[in-house]
Amino acid sequence: MDINKEVNPRFEDFLFDWNQKFQFLMGGYGSSKSYHVALKIILKLLSEKRKALVIREVYDTHKDSTFSLFTEIIEDLGLLDESSRKKVAKGKIRPKESPYELRFSNGSKIIFKGMDKPAKLKSINNVSLIWLEECSEVKYEGFKELIGRLRHPKLKLHMILSTNPIGEDNWTYLHFFKDDENDRFVLDDNELYQKGTVVVGDTYYHHSTADDNLFLPDSYIEQLDELAEYDPDLHRVARLGRYGVNGKRVLPQFQVKSHEEVMRAIDEIDKPLFKNGLDFGFVESYNALVRMAIDHENKYLYIFEQYYKRGMTDPELVEDLDPYKKIMIKADSAEPKTIAYFRQRRFRIMGAKKGPGSRLQNTKKVKRFKKIICSDACPDVIRELKNLTFAKDKKGKIIEDEFNIDPHTFSAIWYGLDDYEVASIKGHNARRKTG
């Protein structure tokens, strides 16, 4: 069957490239990535008898997005079967609603499902092609579940994922690019932005922006450009199609330097104040010990050492932290039995003061430092605090004592600074060099 269709040059190679199992498309608004994914699937199913599954997080959103898009393309190609016959007319495609479905005359079929109705997925078999649209909205567990649904005795398997990038804490970034917490690196996203198309192993990466869509009116691109003036986060996502910090950063003054540089700076402080904080965890949450030095005159906070581990019993934690037995540690006072156990083992440890509103006050305290300089020897502190953002309520208003993640190292810093005020030197018990 000959099909003539004008497409954006940026997607020409993508339309017929089926070499990899996974194809990950990301980019800005209006880049036409969804359109070309739908067209690619139609062309594939016209040439081969396959069953394809199209997934969104919420099933009802298919009506005005993916199902509507497929139908539009089919009509434009002149392939719409509007007959009332039982069989689909030769070379045609017939849309069906309730449930949404597309049937091809060669026996191919596209079915539409939502992750909000997982039971509907269990009865699906022989799916050789899956499109996960707006994949950043789907949970990571859902993505892994779908990989298990992708199976066929003969045909080569493919999964296409498309999305507008959001925060670097989203599973799509952690899985397809890098996950510092689990020391996993696949691809530097900056390389993708530069090259546009990259292949790593069995994954094909594709990046696009509105500039790649030759059918967009100039006025649309101008609207995207204007976002830079009043919403830089949305401009990064919508116009540039790039990952980054999604939201207002809690600690914009946070920076990372080499361990040697940090220790030299601490040595040059006149009467540095050394503070140590410990946040307790167990199965899901982490035990986090953070060691800090304060340059009170300049209002600089240096972070030079960390301990970060979970799944520890109290005896195991005591053994691990034995090298810190002689330093004064302020810990989470919500665990008095654990603190008592540490004191029995001759640790210099005290519970930090906690009360109503303490989370907000502690956050404001840390934000008062002019600079927060972290050693590169503290990877978990960097991972949690570098891109830490405030949570938002349903109206989009910032919640000043809630964050996008549960930052255990931030809690440890709160406890360590328990008796310190950035604006006052009273009550410091300052010590030189170590303590």
Protein backbone atom coordinates (compact mmCIF):
# COMPACT_ATOMS: atom_id res chain seq x y z
CA MET A 1 0.00 0.00 0.00
CA ASP A 2 1.41 3.39 -1.03
CA ILE A 3 0.85 6.21 1.45
CA ASN A 4 1.87 9.78 0.74
CA LYS A 5 2.12 11.92 3.85
CA GLU A 6 4.14 15.05 4.55
CA VAL A 7 5.93 14.79 7.90
CA ASN A 8 8.40 16.86 9.89
CA PRO A 9 11.97 16.07 8.76
CA ARG A 10 13.08 15.67 12.39
CA PHE A 11 10.92 12.53 12.60
CA GLU A 12 11.54 10.94 9.18
CA ASP A 13 14.15 8.46 10.41
CA PHE A 14 12.18 7.72 13.56
CA LEU A 15 9.08 6.63 11.63
CA PHE A 16 10.79 3.57 10.17
CA ASP A 17 13.42 2.79 12.80
CA TRP A 18 12.44 -0.35 14.71
CA ASN A 19 15.92 -1.55 15.67
CA GLN A 20 15.58 -1.12 19.45
CA LYS A 21 13.09 -2.59 21.89
CA PHE A 22 12.61 0.72 23.75
CA GLN A 23 12.09 4.08 22.10
CA PHE A 24 12.05 7.09 24.43
CA LEU A 25 10.77 10.37 22.98
CA MET A 26 10.90 13.54 25.02
CA GLY A 27 10.66 17.19 24.18
CA GLY A 28 8.80 20.45 24.43
CA TYR A 29 5.23 21.39 23.72
CA GLY A 30 4.07 21.30 20.11
CA SER A 31 7.07 19.33 18.82
CA SER A 32 4.69 16.81 17.14
CA LYS A 33 6.22 13.79 18.89
CA SER A 34 2.81 12.28 19.78
CA TYR A 35 1.58 12.76 16.23
CA HIS A 36 4.55 10.94 14.75
CA VAL A 37 4.36 8.12 17.31
CA ALA A 38 0.73 7.51 16.32
CA LEU A 39 1.61 7.64 12.61
CA LYS A 40 4.53 5.25 13.16
CA ILE A 41 2.25 2.72 14.89
CA ILE A 42 -0.37 2.94 12.14
CA LEU A 43 2.26 2.30 9.43
CA LYS A 44 3.65 -0.66 11.37
CA LEU A 45 0.27 -2.30 11.88
CA LEU A 46 -0.66 -1.80 8.26
CA SER A 47 2.43 -3.72 7.20
CA GLU A 48 2.32 -6.43 9.90
CA LYS A 49 -0.49 -8.10 11.78
CA ARG A 50 0.05 -6.99 15.36
CA LYS A 51 -1.81 -6.13 18.52
CA ALA A 52 -0.76 -2.78 19.97
CA LEU A 53 -1.60 -1.39 23.40
CA VAL A 54 -1.82 2.36 24.02
CA ILE A 55 -1.56 3.38 27.68
CA ARG A 56 -2.26 6.54 29.63
CA GLU A 57 -2.46 6.94 33.38
CA VAL A 58 -6.20 7.70 33.26
CA TYR A 59 -8.32 5.77 30.77
CA ASP A 60 -10.88 8.52 30.14
CA THR A 61 -8.18 10.88 28.83
CA HIS A 62 -7.79 8.72 25.69
CA LYS A 63 -10.96 10.16 24.18
CA ASP A 64 -9.60 13.66 23.57
CA SER A 65 -5.95 12.69 23.15
CA THR A 66 -4.62 9.42 21.71
CA PHE A 67 -7.87 7.98 20.31
CA SER A 68 -8.77 11.32 18.76
CA LEU A 69 -5.26 11.66 17.33
CA PHE A 70 -5.30 8.21 15.73
CA THR A 71 -8.71 8.88 14.21
CA GLU A 72 -7.57 12.21 12.81
CA ILE A 73 -4.53 10.63 11.15
CA ILE A 74 -6.57 7.74 9.73
CA GLU A 75 -9.05 10.19 8.19
CA ASP A 76 -6.22 12.31 6.79
CA LEU A 77 -4.68 9.23 5.17
CA GLY A 78 -8.00 8.28 3.64
CA LEU A 79 -8.05 4.98 5.53
CA LEU A 80 -11.20 5.45 7.61
CA ASP A 81 -13.73 2.62 7.21
CA GLU A 82 -17.19 4.11 7.71
CA SER A 83 -19.07 1.13 6.31
CA SER A 84 -21.51 -0.88 8.39
CA ARG A 85 -20.23 -4.22 7.15
CA LYS A 86 -19.08 -6.80 9.67
CA LYS A 87 -15.58 -7.01 8.22
CA VAL A 88 -13.32 -3.98 7.93
CA ALA A 89 -12.96 -2.91 4.29
CA LYS A 90 -9.67 -3.94 2.67
CA GLY A 91 -6.85 -1.54 3.44
CA LYS A 92 -9.02 0.41 5.86
CA ILE A 93 -9.14 1.00 9.62
CA ARG A 94 -12.28 1.16 11.73
CA PRO A 95 -12.43 3.10 15.03
CA LYS A 96 -14.65 1.73 17.78
CA GLU A 97 -15.74 3.31 21.05
CA SER A 98 -16.78 1.76 24.34
CA PRO A 99 -14.18 0.45 24.71
CA TYR A 100 -11.84 2.44 22.52
CA GLU A 101 -10.29 0.30 19.81
CA LEU A 102 -8.97 0.47 16.24
CA ARG A 103 -9.41 -2.52 13.93
CA PHE A 104 -7.38 -3.04 10.75
CA SER A 105 -8.48 -5.09 7.75
CA ASN A 106 -5.38 -7.29 8.05
CA GLY A 107 -6.31 -8.31 11.59
CA SER A 108 -4.13 -5.78 13.41
CA LYS A 109 -5.68 -4.11 16.40
CA ILE A 110 -4.96 -1.15 18.68
CA ILE A 111 -6.52 -1.23 22.15
CA PHE A 112 -6.54 1.61 24.68
CA LYS A 113 -6.18 1.13 28.44
CA GLY A 114 -5.55 3.21 31.56
CA MET A 115 -3.32 2.46 34.55
CA ASP A 116 -6.18 3.63 36.78
CA LYS A 117 -7.92 0.35 35.90
CA PRO A 118 -5.12 -2.22 36.27
CA ALA A 119 -7.52 -5.18 36.35
CA LYS A 120 -8.33 -4.49 32.68
CA LEU A 121 -4.70 -5.23 31.75
CA LYS A 122 -4.61 -8.76 33.12
CA SER A 123 -6.65 -10.32 30.34
CA ILE A 124 -4.51 -8.85 27.54
CA ASN A 125 -2.21 -11.24 25.68
CA ASN A 126 -0.02 -11.37 22.56
CA VAL A 127 0.76 -7.65 22.72
CA SER A 128 3.92 -6.97 20.70
CA LEU A 129 3.85 -3.16 20.75
CA ILE A 130 3.05 -0.74 23.59
CA TRP A 131 2.87 3.05 23.48
CA LEU A 132 3.07 4.68 26.89
CA GLU A 133 1.88 8.27 26.28
CA GLU A 134 2.72 10.94 28.89
CA CYS A 135 4.80 8.26 30.57
CA SER A 136 6.03 10.63 33.32
CA GLU A 137 2.47 10.58 34.72
CA VAL A 138 2.54 6.78 35.08
CA LYS A 139 4.10 5.25 38.19
CA TYR A 140 7.38 3.39 37.85
CA GLU A 141 5.76 0.20 39.08
CA GLY A 142 3.22 0.55 36.29
CA PHE A 143 5.98 0.84 33.71
CA LYS A 144 7.64 -2.34 34.97
CA GLU A 145 4.27 -4.11 34.99
CA LEU A 146 3.76 -3.18 31.33
CA ILE A 147 7.13 -4.63 30.35
CA GLY A 148 5.80 -7.95 31.64
CA ARG A 149 2.70 -7.59 29.43
CA LEU A 150 4.85 -7.14 26.35
CA ARG A 151 5.16 -10.63 24.91
CA HIS A 152 4.58 -12.50 21.66
CA PRO A 153 5.81 -15.93 20.50
CA LYS A 154 7.12 -14.70 17.13
CA LEU A 155 7.11 -10.94 16.65
CA LYS A 156 9.85 -8.57 17.79
CA LEU A 157 8.75 -6.58 20.85
CA HIS A 158 8.70 -2.79 21.10
CA MET A 159 7.75 -0.19 23.69
CA ILE A 160 7.48 3.50 22.80
CA LEU A 161 7.46 6.07 25.60
CA SER A 162 6.69 9.75 25.04
CA THR A 163 6.66 12.63 27.48
CA ASN A 164 7.32 16.25 28.26
CA PRO A 165 10.20 16.22 30.78
CA ILE A 166 9.50 17.42 34.31
CA GLY A 167 11.71 17.18 37.40
CA GLU A 168 14.86 15.10 37.65
CA ASP A 169 13.21 13.22 40.52
CA ASN A 170 10.73 11.64 38.09
CA TRP A 171 11.27 7.92 37.37
CA THR A 172 11.72 8.57 33.63
CA TYR A 173 14.90 10.56 34.35
CA LEU A 174 16.13 8.09 36.96
CA HIS A 175 15.54 5.10 34.68
CA PHE A 176 16.58 6.42 31.28
CA PHE A 177 19.35 8.82 32.32
CA LYS A 178 20.89 8.68 35.77
CA ASP A 179 20.03 7.69 39.32
CA ASP A 180 22.64 8.98 41.77
CA GLU A 181 21.06 7.26 44.76
CA ASN A 182 21.55 3.83 43.19
CA ASP A 183 24.81 4.82 41.45
CA ARG A 184 23.29 4.13 38.03
CA PHE A 185 24.24 6.02 34.87
CA VAL A 186 22.82 5.42 31.39
CA LEU A 187 23.04 8.70 29.46
CA ASP A 188 23.80 12.35 30.16
CA ASP A 189 20.64 14.18 29.13
CA ASN A 190 22.75 17.11 27.91
CA GLU A 191 24.21 14.81 25.27
CA LEU A 192 20.69 14.08 24.04
CA TYR A 193 19.81 17.78 23.90
CA GLN A 194 22.94 18.39 21.83
CA LYS A 195 22.67 15.45 19.43
CA GLY A 196 18.89 15.06 19.21
CA THR A 197 19.04 11.29 18.67
CA VAL A 198 21.11 8.82 20.67
CA VAL A 199 21.09 5.03 20.90
CA VAL A 200 22.25 3.33 24.09
CA GLY A 201 22.02 -0.45 24.15
CA ASP A 202 18.46 -1.46 23.33
CA THR A 203 17.04 2.05 23.81
CA TYR A 204 16.54 4.71 21.13
CA TYR A 205 16.41 8.30 22.48
CA HIS A 206 14.79 11.18 20.59
CA HIS A 207 14.55 14.85 21.59
CA SER A 208 12.45 17.51 19.87
CA THR A 209 11.11 21.03 20.39
CA ALA A 210 8.56 23.27 18.74
CA ASP A 211 11.27 24.34 16.28
CA ASP A 212 11.09 20.84 14.80
CA ASN A 213 7.41 21.21 13.92
CA LEU A 214 7.26 23.06 10.61
CA PHE A 215 3.46 23.16 10.74
CA LEU A 216 3.24 25.32 13.87
CA PRO A 217 2.24 28.97 13.53
CA ASP A 218 4.83 31.53 14.62
CA SER A 219 2.39 32.87 17.20
CA TYR A 220 2.49 29.54 19.11
CA ILE A 221 6.28 29.59 19.36
CA GLU A 222 6.15 33.24 20.45
CA GLN A 223 3.83 32.26 23.31
CA LEU A 224 6.31 29.59 24.41
CA ASP A 225 9.17 32.11 24.26
CA GLU A 226 7.23 34.51 26.49
CA LEU A 227 7.18 31.92 29.27
CA ALA A 228 10.81 32.76 30.03
CA GLU A 229 9.70 36.11 31.43
CA TYR A 230 7.25 34.86 34.05
CA ASP A 231 7.58 31.07 34.42
CA PRO A 232 11.15 29.84 33.81
CA ASP A 233 10.35 26.29 34.99
CA LEU A 234 7.54 25.92 32.47
CA HIS A 235 9.71 27.55 29.79
CA ARG A 236 12.39 24.90 30.38
CA VAL A 237 9.85 22.12 29.95
CA ALA A 238 7.54 23.59 27.29
CA ARG A 239 9.99 25.50 25.10
CA LEU A 240 13.31 23.72 25.62
CA GLY A 241 11.97 20.26 26.42
CA ARG A 242 14.55 19.68 29.16
CA TYR A 243 14.65 18.12 32.60
CA GLY A 244 15.67 20.17 35.60
CA VAL A 245 14.41 21.41 38.93
CA ASN A 246 10.64 21.45 38.75
CA GLY A 247 9.41 24.03 41.23
CA LYS A 248 10.89 26.56 43.65
CA ARG A 249 14.20 25.41 45.11
CA VAL A 250 14.40 25.33 48.89
CA LEU A 251 18.14 26.07 49.00
CA PRO A 252 19.15 28.10 45.92
CA GLN A 253 22.45 28.98 47.64
CA PHE A 254 23.49 25.30 47.78
CA GLN A 255 26.68 24.52 45.87
CA VAL A 256 29.13 21.62 45.55
CA LYS A 257 32.92 21.83 45.74
CA SER A 258 35.70 19.28 45.95
CA HIS A 259 36.35 17.78 49.38
CA GLU A 260 39.86 19.21 49.46
CA GLU A 261 38.57 22.71 48.70
CA VAL A 262 35.90 22.47 51.39
CA MET A 263 38.37 21.30 54.05
CA ARG A 264 40.83 24.08 53.15
CA ALA A 265 38.04 26.64 53.51
CA ILE A 266 37.09 25.23 56.93
CA ASP A 267 40.73 25.39 58.08
CA GLU A 268 40.79 29.09 57.21
CA ILE A 269 37.73 29.94 59.36
CA ASP A 270 38.48 31.85 62.57
CA LYS A 271 36.80 29.83 65.33
CA PRO A 272 34.67 27.49 63.21
CA LEU A 273 31.58 26.04 64.84
CA PHE A 274 31.27 22.28 64.32
CA LYS A 275 27.79 20.74 64.37
CA ASN A 276 26.60 17.18 63.83
CA GLY A 277 23.02 16.04 63.25
CA LEU A 278 21.48 12.57 63.10
CA ASP A 279 18.13 11.55 61.66
CA PHE A 280 17.00 8.02 62.52
CA GLY A 281 15.43 5.66 60.01
CA PHE A 282 14.91 1.94 59.54
CA VAL A 283 13.28 0.01 56.68
CA GLU A 284 12.14 2.65 54.15
CA SER A 285 13.74 5.76 55.64
CA TYR A 286 17.47 6.32 56.08
CA ASN A 287 19.72 6.91 59.05
CA ALA A 288 21.47 10.12 58.08
CA LEU A 289 24.39 11.69 59.94
CA VAL A 290 25.63 15.02 58.61
CA ARG A 291 28.75 16.82 59.84
CA MET A 292 28.96 20.57 59.38
CA ALA A 293 31.21 23.54 60.02
CA ILE A 294 29.86 27.08 60.34
CA ASP A 295 31.63 30.29 59.36
CA HIS A 296 29.49 32.53 61.54
CA GLU A 297 31.08 35.80 60.47
CA ASN A 298 30.31 35.23 56.79
CA LYS A 299 27.16 33.18 57.40
CA TYR A 300 28.48 30.19 55.44
CA LEU A 301 27.53 26.59 56.18
CA TYR A 302 30.00 23.88 55.14
CA ILE A 303 28.94 20.23 54.90
CA PHE A 304 31.98 17.96 54.88
CA GLU A 305 30.96 14.43 55.92
CA GLN A 306 27.94 12.13 55.81
CA TYR A 307 26.67 8.71 56.86
CA TYR A 308 23.62 7.41 55.00
CA LYS A 309 22.21 3.90 55.41
CA ARG A 310 18.92 2.12 56.06
CA GLY A 311 17.70 -1.23 57.36
CA MET A 312 19.89 -1.02 60.48
CA THR A 313 19.00 -2.25 63.96
CA ASP A 314 20.13 -0.09 66.89
CA PRO A 315 23.13 -2.36 67.69
CA GLU A 316 24.18 -2.34 64.03
CA LEU A 317 23.85 1.45 63.84
CA VAL A 318 25.87 1.91 67.04
CA GLU A 319 28.62 -0.25 65.60
CA ASP A 320 28.62 1.65 62.30
CA LEU A 321 28.75 5.05 64.02
CA ASP A 322 31.45 4.10 66.51
CA PRO A 323 34.01 6.42 64.81
CA TYR A 324 31.72 9.34 65.75
CA LYS A 325 31.38 8.40 69.41
CA LYS A 326 33.45 11.32 70.74
CA ILE A 327 31.70 14.15 68.85
CA MET A 328 28.59 15.91 70.10
CA ILE A 329 25.57 14.76 68.07
CA LYS A 330 22.08 16.26 68.08
CA ALA A 331 19.51 13.66 67.03
CA ASP A 332 15.81 13.25 66.37
CA SER A 333 14.13 13.57 69.77
CA ALA A 334 11.18 11.49 68.50
CA GLU A 335 13.37 8.43 69.18
CA PRO A 336 14.17 8.76 72.93
CA LYS A 337 14.77 5.01 73.39
CA THR A 338 17.32 4.97 70.60
CA ILE A 339 19.04 8.04 72.02
CA ALA A 340 19.14 6.39 75.46
CA TYR A 341 20.64 3.27 73.90
CA PHE A 342 23.38 5.36 72.25
CA ARG A 343 24.12 7.12 75.54
CA GLN A 344 24.46 3.76 77.25
CA ARG A 345 27.13 2.97 74.67
CA ARG A 346 28.97 6.16 75.67
CA PHE A 347 27.97 8.32 72.74
CA ARG A 348 27.79 12.08 73.25
CA ILE A 349 24.27 12.45 71.92
CA MET A 350 21.25 14.60 72.78
CA GLY A 351 17.75 14.99 71.42
CA ALA A 352 17.08 18.14 69.41
CA LYS A 353 14.22 20.40 70.45
CA LYS A 354 11.06 19.83 68.41
CA GLY A 355 7.75 21.58 68.68
CA PRO A 356 4.83 22.98 66.69
CA GLY A 357 6.10 24.76 63.61
CA SER A 358 9.66 23.52 64.07
CA ARG A 359 9.89 22.18 60.49
CA LEU A 360 9.11 25.61 59.09
CA GLN A 361 11.43 27.42 61.50
CA ASN A 362 14.28 25.00 60.84
CA THR A 363 13.84 25.41 57.09
CA LYS A 364 13.93 29.19 57.42
CA LYS A 365 17.05 28.93 59.60
CA VAL A 366 19.00 26.98 56.99
CA LYS A 367 17.82 29.33 54.24
CA ARG A 368 19.38 32.27 56.10
CA PHE A 369 22.90 31.08 55.32
CA LYS A 370 24.40 33.13 52.49
CA LYS A 371 26.13 30.05 51.13
CA ILE A 372 25.79 26.33 51.75
CA ILE A 373 28.91 24.60 50.46
CA CYS A 374 28.86 20.82 50.31
CA SER A 375 31.81 18.48 49.81
CA ASP A 376 31.59 16.16 46.82
CA ALA A 377 32.31 13.39 49.34
CA CYS A 378 28.66 13.70 50.46
CA PRO A 379 26.70 12.28 47.48
CA ASP A 380 23.42 11.71 49.33
CA VAL A 381 23.38 15.23 50.74
CA ILE A 382 23.92 16.54 47.21
CA ARG A 383 21.24 14.29 45.73
CA GLU A 384 18.62 15.34 48.29
CA LEU A 385 19.39 19.05 48.66
CA LYS A 386 20.69 20.26 45.29
CA ASN A 387 17.29 20.04 43.60
CA LEU A 388 15.05 20.04 46.68
CA THR A 389 11.84 21.95 45.97
CA PHE A 390 8.81 22.98 48.00
CA ALA A 391 5.62 20.97 47.72
CA LYS A 392 2.45 22.72 46.51
CA ASP A 393 -1.17 22.50 47.57
CA LYS A 394 -4.08 21.84 45.20
CA LYS A 395 -4.19 25.51 44.24
CA GLY A 396 -0.51 25.54 43.33
CA LYS A 397 0.52 27.50 46.42
CA ILE A 398 3.86 26.61 48.01
CA ILE A 399 3.81 24.67 51.30
CA GLU A 400 6.85 26.00 53.16
CA ASP A 401 7.43 22.97 55.40
CA GLU A 402 6.81 20.19 52.85
CA PHE A 403 9.02 19.10 49.98
CA ASN A 404 9.03 17.06 46.78
CA ILE A 405 10.92 14.25 48.59
CA ASP A 406 11.58 13.20 52.18
CA PRO A 407 15.10 14.66 52.64
CA HIS A 408 16.69 12.76 55.52
CA THR A 409 19.93 14.72 55.31
CA PHE A 410 17.96 17.98 55.61
CA SER A 411 16.41 16.69 58.84
CA ALA A 412 19.88 15.79 60.12
CA ILE A 413 21.03 19.35 59.37
CA TRP A 414 18.05 20.72 61.29
CA TYR A 415 18.95 18.68 64.36
CA GLY A 416 22.63 19.54 64.13
CA LEU A 417 21.82 23.26 64.08
CA ASP A 418 19.40 22.91 66.99
CA ASP A 419 21.21 25.38 69.29
CA TYR A 420 22.48 27.68 66.57
CA GLU A 421 20.94 30.89 65.27
CA VAL A 422 22.32 32.40 62.08
CA ALA A 423 21.66 35.93 63.33
CA SER A 424 23.10 35.43 66.82
CA ILE A 425 26.15 33.78 68.34
CA LYS A 426 24.59 33.14 71.74
CA GLY A 427 24.51 29.55 72.97
CA HIS A 428 27.00 28.21 70.42
CA ASN A 429 29.51 26.35 72.56
CA ALA A 430 32.00 27.03 69.78
CA ARG A 431 34.89 24.65 69.32
CA ARG A 432 37.89 24.85 67.02
CA LYS A 433 38.65 22.25 64.36
CA THR A 434 36.76 19.18 65.63
CA GLY A 435 33.83 18.55 67.90
